[in-house]
Amino acid sequence: MTSRHARLDGRRGFTIVELLVSLVISSVVLLSLTRLLAVQGRAFGKQRELGDVNESLRTGAAFLAWELRQLSPADGDIYAMGQRTITVRSITATGIVCAEHATQPLFALSSAEGDVAETSADSALILNVGGAGTADDDWKAMRVGSRGTAASLGVGNCVWDASTPDAAITVQPASAADTAGVAVGAPVRLFRRVEYALYQDGAEWWLGQKVAGAASYEKLTGPLLADAQDGLEFRYYDAAGTAVAVPAQVAVVEIRIRSHSTHNSSADGSPQTGFLVTKVAPRG
């Protein structure tokens, strides 16, 4: 009968060489997996950073394009323009005069859309038809004095269907003649003077806006590349594609935006960057 010790001695175990080979193979596999995970992590980080960059570019371009597309350079909607900044008449709301006060420059608005406000920065463009014919028709710019309901400001309901107006505003014209030719049915555009520019806040550069005489910029999107790296650039052309410097001659505005990521996953620590160019034709 075979003893217990004889049976145990007959079992074959691992040799030192086999153990060493197993450890080497395991180490190679683990190292490969670690490197793969690191590569995937960097790739994910780059994709996230590129997403941030593209979001800044799309947001800035879409916002500026929407704003500039409403402008009429021939009517003075561009106050000033430069390579890094543009100051415009920013439309905040529109409406139609549907009733007017008998003695005061006060108008009830129907079909009002947007932000009808009466801050110190708000003004109105109202069509003054003047006399017969269209030769003396003109948009008159007036400061908005106050806003409210038709009842609170003492003006009646809309004359064409007796409905309640959406809003009512008082205006401060430069002269009585500015409102003499305003009639029911006249279109109204409420606006603010807004400057868009590339500005620096701390170590970063951003697209910002100043409303009227604001002391500082309101941050819109970014971060963008620095001024020296053309983070934001405006170029102005007439209908023939020739560069112009006079606001009334502008037919196309080219917007160039360069952005960078806030997190840097590259091996050399450099940020991801992006560049977007779009052209906008104001309404004329």
Protein backbone atom coordinates (compact mmCIF):
# COMPACT_ATOMS: atom_id res chain seq x y z
CA MET A 1 0.00 0.00 0.00
CA THR A 2 1.40 3.40 -1.00
CA SER A 3 1.97 5.77 1.90
CA ARG A 4 0.57 9.33 2.17
CA HIS A 5 4.04 10.78 1.82
CA ALA A 6 4.66 8.85 -1.35
CA ARG A 7 1.46 10.21 -2.88
CA LEU A 8 2.35 13.80 -1.95
CA ASP A 9 5.86 13.46 -3.31
CA GLY A 10 4.40 12.30 -6.61
CA ARG A 11 2.54 15.60 -7.21
CA ARG A 12 4.27 17.99 -9.55
CA GLY A 13 4.48 21.73 -8.47
CA PHE A 14 5.74 24.96 -10.11
CA THR A 15 9.39 25.48 -10.56
CA ILE A 16 11.14 28.77 -9.82
CA VAL A 17 11.60 29.38 -13.54
CA GLU A 18 7.89 28.90 -14.25
CA LEU A 19 6.95 31.32 -11.48
CA LEU A 20 9.35 33.92 -12.82
CA VAL A 21 7.98 33.55 -16.35
CA SER A 22 4.41 33.93 -15.02
CA LEU A 23 5.34 37.09 -13.12
CA VAL A 24 7.02 38.58 -16.21
CA ILE A 25 4.00 37.84 -18.41
CA SER A 26 1.58 39.25 -15.81
CA SER A 27 3.69 42.40 -15.48
CA VAL A 28 3.71 42.91 -19.25
CA VAL A 29 -0.07 42.47 -19.43
CA LEU A 30 -0.65 44.86 -16.52
CA LEU A 31 1.72 47.44 -18.01
CA SER A 32 -0.05 47.22 -21.35
CA LEU A 33 -3.45 47.67 -19.71
CA THR A 34 -2.16 50.64 -17.70
CA ARG A 35 -0.80 52.30 -20.83
CA LEU A 36 -4.07 51.62 -22.68
CA LEU A 37 -6.10 53.17 -19.88
CA ALA A 38 -3.78 56.19 -19.81
CA VAL A 39 -4.12 56.67 -23.57
CA GLN A 40 -7.90 56.36 -23.37
CA GLY A 41 -7.96 58.81 -20.47
CA ARG A 42 -5.94 61.38 -22.42
CA ALA A 43 -8.15 60.86 -25.48
CA PHE A 44 -11.27 61.39 -23.37
CA GLY A 45 -9.72 64.49 -21.83
CA LYS A 46 -8.87 65.89 -25.27
CA GLN A 47 -12.41 65.24 -26.50
CA ARG A 48 -13.84 67.00 -23.48
CA GLU A 49 -11.50 69.96 -23.98
CA LEU A 50 -12.31 70.15 -27.69
CA GLY A 51 -15.99 70.09 -26.77
CA ASP A 52 -15.44 73.07 -24.44
CA VAL A 53 -13.53 74.92 -27.16
CA ASN A 54 -16.20 74.26 -29.80
CA GLU A 55 -18.95 75.32 -27.40
CA SER A 56 -17.23 78.67 -26.80
CA LEU A 57 -16.77 79.18 -30.55
CA ARG A 58 -20.35 78.26 -31.47
CA THR A 59 -21.87 80.32 -28.66
CA GLY A 60 -19.86 83.43 -29.49
CA ALA A 61 -20.43 83.20 -33.25
CA ALA A 62 -24.17 82.48 -32.91
CA PHE A 63 -24.72 85.33 -30.47
CA LEU A 64 -22.84 87.91 -32.54
CA ALA A 65 -24.40 86.71 -35.81
CA TRP A 66 -27.91 87.01 -34.35
CA GLU A 67 -27.15 90.54 -33.14
CA LEU A 68 -25.48 91.79 -36.31
CA ARG A 69 -28.08 90.29 -38.63
CA GLN A 70 -30.71 92.69 -37.25
CA LEU A 71 -28.68 95.83 -37.96
CA SER A 72 -29.23 98.41 -40.67
CA PRO A 73 -25.86 100.10 -41.17
CA ALA A 74 -27.40 102.62 -43.57
CA ASP A 75 -29.78 103.73 -40.80
CA GLY A 76 -26.98 104.21 -38.27
CA ASP A 77 -27.32 100.94 -36.34
CA ILE A 78 -23.52 100.63 -36.15
CA TYR A 79 -22.20 103.38 -33.88
CA ALA A 80 -18.53 102.40 -33.94
CA MET A 81 -16.46 99.52 -35.28
CA GLY A 82 -12.94 98.28 -34.75
CA GLN A 83 -10.82 95.18 -35.08
CA ARG A 84 -11.62 93.91 -31.55
CA THR A 85 -14.85 95.74 -30.80
CA ILE A 86 -18.15 96.83 -32.33
CA THR A 87 -20.81 99.12 -30.83
CA VAL A 88 -24.35 98.70 -32.15
CA ARG A 89 -27.98 99.58 -31.70
CA SER A 90 -29.16 96.34 -30.10
CA ILE A 91 -32.86 95.68 -30.66
CA THR A 92 -34.53 94.39 -27.48
CA ALA A 93 -38.21 94.40 -28.51
CA THR A 94 -40.63 95.23 -31.31
CA GLY A 95 -44.29 96.19 -31.46
CA ILE A 96 -47.00 98.10 -33.30
CA VAL A 97 -48.70 101.26 -32.10
CA CYS A 98 -52.35 100.32 -31.59
CA ALA A 99 -53.50 103.34 -29.55
CA GLU A 100 -52.08 106.72 -28.54
CA HIS A 101 -52.74 109.28 -25.85
CA ALA A 102 -54.66 112.37 -26.92
CA THR A 103 -52.17 114.92 -25.54
CA GLN A 104 -49.03 113.11 -24.35
CA PRO A 105 -46.27 111.18 -26.17
CA LEU A 106 -47.63 107.87 -24.93
CA PHE A 107 -48.31 104.82 -27.08
CA ALA A 108 -49.97 101.45 -26.51
CA LEU A 109 -48.24 98.52 -28.22
CA SER A 110 -49.76 95.43 -29.77
CA SER A 111 -47.84 92.34 -30.93
CA ALA A 112 -45.03 93.31 -28.57
CA GLU A 113 -42.19 90.80 -28.62
CA GLY A 114 -39.02 90.90 -26.52
CA ASP A 115 -37.92 92.90 -23.50
CA VAL A 116 -40.03 96.06 -23.25
CA ALA A 117 -38.21 98.00 -20.52
CA GLU A 118 -37.62 101.55 -19.31
CA THR A 119 -34.12 101.61 -17.86
CA SER A 120 -31.83 104.56 -18.48
CA ALA A 121 -30.31 102.59 -21.37
CA ASP A 122 -33.57 101.99 -23.25
CA SER A 123 -34.68 103.97 -26.29
CA ALA A 124 -37.27 103.58 -29.02
CA LEU A 125 -37.34 103.95 -32.79
CA ILE A 126 -40.83 104.89 -33.98
CA LEU A 127 -41.84 105.45 -37.58
CA ASN A 128 -43.02 109.04 -38.10
CA VAL A 129 -44.87 109.24 -41.43
CA GLY A 130 -45.08 113.04 -41.42
CA GLY A 131 -47.27 114.35 -44.22
CA ALA A 132 -48.74 112.76 -47.33
CA GLY A 133 -46.46 110.50 -49.35
CA THR A 134 -43.32 108.72 -48.22
CA ALA A 135 -40.68 111.38 -48.85
CA ASP A 136 -40.73 112.61 -45.24
CA ASP A 137 -41.17 109.21 -43.57
CA ASP A 138 -38.44 108.71 -40.99
CA TRP A 139 -37.52 106.63 -37.96
CA LYS A 140 -37.38 108.86 -34.89
CA ALA A 141 -35.15 107.90 -31.96
CA MET A 142 -36.63 108.73 -28.52
CA ARG A 143 -35.76 107.91 -24.94
CA VAL A 144 -38.21 105.60 -23.18
CA GLY A 145 -39.62 107.39 -20.15
CA SER A 146 -41.74 104.69 -18.56
CA ARG A 147 -43.66 101.54 -19.34
CA GLY A 148 -46.74 99.86 -17.92
CA THR A 149 -50.21 98.71 -18.81
CA ALA A 150 -52.50 100.80 -20.98
CA ALA A 151 -54.77 101.41 -17.99
CA SER A 152 -51.95 102.50 -15.65
CA LEU A 153 -50.61 105.01 -18.17
CA GLY A 154 -54.01 106.33 -19.21
CA VAL A 155 -54.29 105.17 -22.79
CA GLY A 156 -57.20 103.20 -24.23
CA ASN A 157 -57.48 99.78 -25.77
CA CYS A 158 -56.30 99.00 -29.28
CA VAL A 159 -58.41 100.92 -31.76
CA TRP A 160 -58.86 98.15 -34.34
CA ASP A 161 -60.32 95.44 -32.13
CA ALA A 162 -60.69 96.98 -28.63
CA SER A 163 -58.31 94.38 -27.22
CA THR A 164 -56.00 95.11 -24.29
CA PRO A 165 -52.55 96.25 -25.55
CA ASP A 166 -49.54 94.13 -24.67
CA ALA A 167 -47.76 97.13 -23.15
CA ALA A 168 -47.66 100.91 -23.17
CA ILE A 169 -44.69 103.29 -23.13
CA THR A 170 -44.09 106.99 -22.74
CA VAL A 171 -41.28 108.50 -24.78
CA GLN A 172 -39.15 111.62 -24.53
CA PRO A 173 -38.77 112.98 -28.08
CA ALA A 174 -36.21 115.61 -29.01
CA SER A 175 -39.08 117.81 -30.25
CA ALA A 176 -42.84 117.68 -30.59
CA ALA A 177 -42.42 117.22 -34.34
CA ASP A 178 -40.88 113.79 -33.74
CA THR A 179 -44.24 112.40 -32.58
CA ALA A 180 -46.56 114.58 -34.68
CA GLY A 181 -46.65 112.05 -37.51
CA VAL A 182 -46.78 108.87 -35.42
CA ALA A 183 -50.04 107.09 -36.17
CA VAL A 184 -51.80 103.90 -35.14
CA GLY A 185 -50.14 101.07 -37.06
CA ALA A 186 -46.64 102.56 -36.82
CA PRO A 187 -43.92 99.98 -36.07
CA VAL A 188 -41.82 100.43 -32.92
CA ARG A 189 -38.34 99.06 -32.21
CA LEU A 190 -36.94 99.28 -28.68
CA PHE A 191 -33.16 99.25 -28.43
CA ARG A 192 -30.07 99.74 -26.27
CA ARG A 193 -26.56 100.86 -27.17
CA VAL A 194 -24.32 97.80 -26.68
CA GLU A 195 -20.60 97.36 -27.17
CA TYR A 196 -19.19 93.88 -27.88
CA ALA A 197 -15.47 93.37 -27.40
CA LEU A 198 -12.59 91.10 -26.50
CA TYR A 199 -11.58 91.94 -22.93
CA GLN A 200 -9.28 90.58 -20.24
CA ASP A 201 -10.42 89.36 -16.84
CA GLY A 202 -7.54 88.11 -14.70
CA ALA A 203 -5.33 85.88 -16.81
CA GLU A 204 -8.01 85.03 -19.37
CA TRP A 205 -9.66 86.79 -22.31
CA TRP A 206 -13.40 86.73 -23.00
CA LEU A 207 -16.15 87.97 -25.29
CA GLY A 208 -18.06 90.57 -23.30
CA GLN A 209 -20.67 93.27 -23.64
CA LYS A 210 -21.20 96.72 -22.17
CA VAL A 211 -24.75 98.06 -22.14
CA ALA A 212 -24.98 101.84 -22.59
CA GLY A 213 -22.50 103.49 -20.24
CA ALA A 214 -21.69 100.46 -18.09
CA ALA A 215 -18.36 100.67 -16.30
CA SER A 216 -17.37 97.03 -16.89
CA TYR A 217 -18.00 94.19 -19.32
CA GLU A 218 -20.52 91.43 -18.81
CA LYS A 219 -18.98 88.07 -19.65
CA LEU A 220 -20.68 86.22 -22.52
CA THR A 221 -18.40 83.33 -23.54
CA GLY A 222 -14.81 82.12 -23.52
CA PRO A 223 -12.05 81.80 -22.67
CA LEU A 224 -10.65 83.11 -25.95
CA LEU A 225 -7.08 83.56 -27.08
CA ALA A 226 -5.40 86.80 -26.06
CA ASP A 227 -5.57 90.09 -27.93
CA ALA A 228 -2.08 89.50 -29.36
CA GLN A 229 -3.27 86.11 -30.68
CA ASP A 230 -6.41 87.52 -32.36
CA GLY A 231 -8.87 85.90 -29.96
CA LEU A 232 -11.66 88.01 -31.49
CA GLU A 233 -11.51 89.86 -34.79
CA PHE A 234 -14.06 91.79 -36.85
CA ARG A 235 -13.60 92.54 -40.55
CA TYR A 236 -15.95 94.78 -42.52
CA TYR A 237 -16.75 94.69 -46.25
CA ASP A 238 -19.08 96.43 -48.67
CA ALA A 239 -21.33 94.65 -51.18
CA ALA A 240 -18.40 94.27 -53.60
CA GLY A 241 -16.23 92.56 -50.99
CA THR A 242 -13.94 95.55 -50.46
CA ALA A 243 -12.78 96.30 -46.91
CA VAL A 244 -14.44 99.42 -45.50
CA ALA A 245 -14.04 101.57 -42.39
CA VAL A 246 -17.27 103.60 -42.59
CA PRO A 247 -20.25 102.04 -40.69
CA ALA A 248 -22.85 103.11 -43.26
CA GLN A 249 -20.98 101.24 -46.02
CA VAL A 250 -20.93 97.86 -44.26
CA ALA A 251 -22.70 95.05 -46.12
CA VAL A 252 -20.89 92.05 -44.58
CA VAL A 253 -19.23 91.56 -41.19
CA GLU A 254 -16.72 88.74 -40.88
CA ILE A 255 -16.34 87.37 -37.35
CA ARG A 256 -13.19 85.44 -36.41
CA ILE A 257 -13.05 83.73 -33.01
CA ARG A 258 -10.18 81.74 -31.52
CA SER A 259 -10.74 79.84 -28.27
CA HIS A 260 -8.75 77.54 -26.00
CA SER A 261 -9.57 74.91 -23.39
CA THR A 262 -9.38 75.53 -19.65
CA HIS A 263 -7.96 72.05 -18.88
CA ASN A 264 -4.79 70.76 -20.53
CA SER A 265 -4.43 66.98 -20.87
CA SER A 266 -1.70 67.06 -23.52
CA ALA A 267 1.65 65.54 -22.61
CA ASP A 268 3.35 68.93 -23.01
CA GLY A 269 0.65 70.76 -21.03
CA SER A 270 -0.53 72.88 -23.96
CA PRO A 271 -4.28 73.66 -24.23
CA GLN A 272 -6.56 72.60 -27.06
CA THR A 273 -7.42 75.47 -29.42
CA GLY A 274 -10.07 76.11 -32.05
CA PHE A 275 -10.79 78.66 -34.77
CA LEU A 276 -14.12 79.64 -36.32
CA VAL A 277 -14.93 82.13 -39.10
CA THR A 278 -18.45 83.25 -39.98
CA LYS A 279 -19.81 86.02 -42.20
CA VAL A 280 -22.99 87.94 -41.46
CA ALA A 281 -24.97 90.19 -43.79
CA PRO A 282 -26.92 92.87 -41.85
CA ARG A 283 -30.48 93.47 -43.00
CA GLY A 284 -29.47 96.55 -45.02
